[in-house]
Structure formats: C-alpha cells, structure tokens
C-alpha cells in the first residue's frame, strides 16, 4: 500500500517522566474507548511516513485468454498502488496487435474507482495471433509508458 503521509499510532507505551522518559513496560492499544483516554489520532508526519512516489510500473501479471480455436481475446490486470494512484496518468489504452491483422484498442479513463481492468475483443479470425500492449498517457495525451 502506498504511504499517505499520515502516522497511525497502534500501541501506547507508558514512560516514567521522573526518570528520563524510561519505558515502564506497560502498554495498551491506542483506541478511543473512554473519556479522557490517551488516544492519539492519526496525524501527518512526512518525515516518518513519506509519501510514496508515483510510478508508471507495468502490471504483473496480465491475464490473457486467447486460443487459436476462438475468435475472442480476453484480458484482465491490476496496477500496483503507486501506479494506480499516479495522478499524472489520465488514460490507459489496451491495444491488441497481430502482424497483417487489424489493430483494436480500448481506453480506460483515470482515475477509476476500482483497481481492476478487463476487456474483450470479439470477432477475430484467430485470437491466438494477437498480443496485448498497454500504454499510459497523461492529460495532454503524451505517452508515459508502454508495457
């Protein structure tokens, strides 16, 4: 999961303030359970929790179903979290190509709510001849990555 820049405290450790904040060995879960508790809510700490840099990594694996006996090419994939949340990616194009055959493509406009992409190309003469190429573009339609 990508870093959000927020620190979340899960466990509170008691310290002895009379002896240089030495840990006493007592701990408790950081939960909101009673009024006046020592609960520490999540807070921004970019030093300990730096934001993950956006990436344009290619998805691995990409699942493809295409056999010589079928006229259908199916595909599905998910992106790693830093690619999925990369605000520079405005569009992902899935294209199938085969030498001497028509090229087909479908666009996915980003951002999407679910990190699951799939599609089918139908009416092909021999789906096993085709390969899938994924391309990422920014808002100006500039190519960012080819997979």
Protein backbone atom coordinates (compact mmCIF):
# COMPACT_ATOMS: atom_id res chain seq x y z
CA UNK A 1 0.00 0.00 0.00
CA UNK A 2 1.27 3.50 -0.77
CA UNK A 3 2.25 5.79 2.06
CA UNK A 4 -0.29 8.51 2.80
CA UNK A 5 1.98 10.76 4.88
CA UNK A 6 -0.09 10.03 8.00
CA UNK A 7 1.29 8.31 11.06
CA UNK A 8 -1.05 5.93 12.88
CA UNK A 9 -0.18 5.01 16.46
CA UNK A 10 -1.30 1.46 17.28
CA UNK A 11 0.27 0.92 20.71
CA UNK A 12 0.78 3.34 23.60
CA UNK A 13 3.83 2.75 25.80
CA UNK A 14 3.92 4.15 29.32
CA UNK A 15 7.09 6.02 30.31
CA UNK A 16 8.38 7.27 33.66
CA UNK A 17 8.71 11.04 33.24
CA UNK A 18 10.59 11.27 36.57
CA UNK A 19 13.39 9.12 35.19
CA UNK A 20 14.11 10.49 31.71
CA UNK A 21 11.04 9.01 30.00
CA UNK A 22 12.27 5.47 30.64
CA UNK A 23 9.71 2.88 29.44
CA UNK A 24 7.89 1.17 32.31
CA UNK A 25 6.99 -1.90 30.25
CA UNK A 26 3.26 -1.17 30.39
CA UNK A 27 1.44 -0.84 27.06
CA UNK A 28 -2.13 -0.51 25.82
CA UNK A 29 -3.87 -0.36 22.47
CA UNK A 30 -4.39 3.12 21.07
CA UNK A 31 -8.19 3.10 20.94
CA UNK A 32 -10.95 5.57 21.69
CA UNK A 33 -12.76 3.78 24.47
CA UNK A 34 -13.27 6.11 27.43
CA UNK A 35 -13.43 9.84 28.01
CA UNK A 36 -10.04 11.23 28.92
CA UNK A 37 -8.17 8.32 27.34
CA UNK A 38 -4.66 8.79 25.99
CA UNK A 39 -5.82 8.13 22.42
CA UNK A 40 -3.57 9.63 19.74
CA UNK A 41 -5.43 10.18 16.45
CA UNK A 42 -3.63 9.77 13.10
CA UNK A 43 -1.52 12.81 12.23
CA UNK A 44 0.60 13.96 9.31
CA UNK A 45 4.29 13.07 9.63
CA UNK A 46 6.05 13.28 6.27
CA UNK A 47 9.43 12.51 7.86
CA UNK A 48 8.49 9.09 9.24
CA UNK A 49 5.80 8.38 6.64
CA UNK A 50 6.95 9.98 3.38
CA UNK A 51 4.50 9.96 0.51
CA UNK A 52 5.16 7.22 -1.99
CA UNK A 53 6.44 8.48 -5.31
CA UNK A 54 4.02 7.87 -8.15
CA UNK A 55 5.19 5.27 -10.64
CA UNK A 56 4.32 4.07 -14.11
CA UNK A 57 5.22 0.43 -13.47
CA UNK A 58 3.78 -2.17 -15.78
CA UNK A 59 1.20 -4.51 -14.24
CA UNK A 60 2.37 -8.01 -13.43
CA UNK A 61 0.71 -10.35 -14.10
CA UNK A 62 -1.59 -9.58 -17.00
CA UNK A 63 -4.04 -12.40 -17.63
CA UNK A 64 -4.89 -13.14 -21.26
CA UNK A 65 -7.19 -15.79 -22.70
CA UNK A 66 -6.78 -16.34 -26.42
CA UNK A 67 -6.63 -19.63 -28.28
CA UNK A 68 -6.48 -20.49 -31.95
CA UNK A 69 -9.94 -22.03 -31.78
CA UNK A 70 -11.58 -18.85 -30.54
CA UNK A 71 -12.49 -15.51 -32.03
CA UNK A 72 -12.32 -13.76 -28.63
CA UNK A 73 -9.33 -12.16 -26.89
CA UNK A 74 -9.93 -11.57 -23.14
CA UNK A 75 -7.62 -9.70 -20.77
CA UNK A 76 -7.52 -8.50 -17.16
CA UNK A 77 -5.00 -6.79 -14.92
CA UNK A 78 -4.49 -4.60 -11.85
CA UNK A 79 -1.83 -1.95 -11.25
CA UNK A 80 0.46 -1.61 -8.27
CA UNK A 81 -0.85 1.01 -5.84
CA UNK A 82 1.65 3.75 -6.70
CA UNK A 83 0.78 3.43 -10.39
CA UNK A 84 -2.98 3.24 -9.75
CA UNK A 85 -2.88 6.44 -7.65
CA UNK A 86 -0.50 8.29 -10.01
CA UNK A 87 -2.39 11.49 -10.86
CA UNK A 88 -0.22 12.00 -13.97
CA UNK A 89 -1.85 9.02 -15.68
CA UNK A 90 -5.03 10.24 -17.37
CA UNK A 91 -5.64 7.27 -19.66
CA UNK A 92 -4.59 3.67 -20.10
CA UNK A 93 -5.03 2.15 -23.55
CA UNK A 94 -5.17 -1.60 -24.07
CA UNK A 95 -4.31 -2.49 -27.67
CA UNK A 96 -4.12 -5.86 -29.37
CA UNK A 97 -1.92 -6.25 -32.40
CA UNK A 98 -1.03 -9.01 -34.84
CA UNK A 99 1.06 -8.83 -37.98
CA UNK A 100 -1.15 -8.48 -41.05
CA UNK A 101 -4.34 -8.12 -38.97
CA UNK A 102 -6.39 -5.11 -37.82
CA UNK A 103 -5.43 -3.44 -34.54
CA UNK A 104 -8.06 -2.96 -31.84
CA UNK A 105 -7.93 -0.86 -28.68
CA UNK A 106 -9.96 0.24 -25.68
CA UNK A 107 -9.31 3.22 -23.37
CA UNK A 108 -9.66 3.36 -19.59
CA UNK A 109 -10.04 6.92 -18.28
CA UNK A 110 -8.30 7.57 -14.99
CA UNK A 111 -8.90 7.90 -12.14
CA UNK A 112 -11.03 4.80 -11.73
CA UNK A 113 -12.72 3.70 -8.52
CA UNK A 114 -11.55 0.08 -8.72
CA UNK A 115 -8.07 -1.20 -9.49
CA UNK A 116 -9.33 -3.86 -11.86
CA UNK A 117 -9.19 -3.56 -15.63
CA UNK A 118 -10.62 -6.05 -18.09
CA UNK A 119 -11.94 -6.31 -21.58
CA UNK A 120 -12.70 -8.49 -24.57
CA UNK A 121 -12.10 -8.12 -28.27
CA UNK A 122 -14.50 -10.23 -30.32
CA UNK A 123 -14.91 -11.21 -33.95
CA UNK A 124 -11.23 -12.01 -34.52
CA UNK A 125 -10.21 -14.57 -37.13
CA UNK A 126 -7.62 -16.15 -34.80
CA UNK A 127 -7.26 -14.66 -31.31
CA UNK A 128 -4.03 -16.57 -30.60
CA UNK A 129 -2.13 -14.40 -33.09
CA UNK A 130 -2.70 -11.22 -31.07
CA UNK A 131 -0.59 -9.74 -28.29
CA UNK A 132 -1.66 -7.13 -25.75
CA UNK A 133 0.12 -3.79 -25.37
CA UNK A 134 -0.74 -1.37 -22.54
CA UNK A 135 0.10 2.32 -22.83
CA UNK A 136 -0.23 5.09 -20.23
CA UNK A 137 -0.90 8.69 -21.29
CA UNK A 138 -1.07 11.99 -19.42
CA UNK A 139 -3.84 14.60 -19.81
CA UNK A 140 -2.08 16.06 -22.90
CA UNK A 141 -2.07 12.58 -24.49
CA UNK A 142 1.70 12.35 -24.09
CA UNK A 143 2.96 8.78 -23.84
CA UNK A 144 4.25 7.97 -20.33
CA UNK A 145 4.85 4.20 -20.55
CA UNK A 146 4.43 1.22 -22.87
CA UNK A 147 4.04 -2.27 -21.42
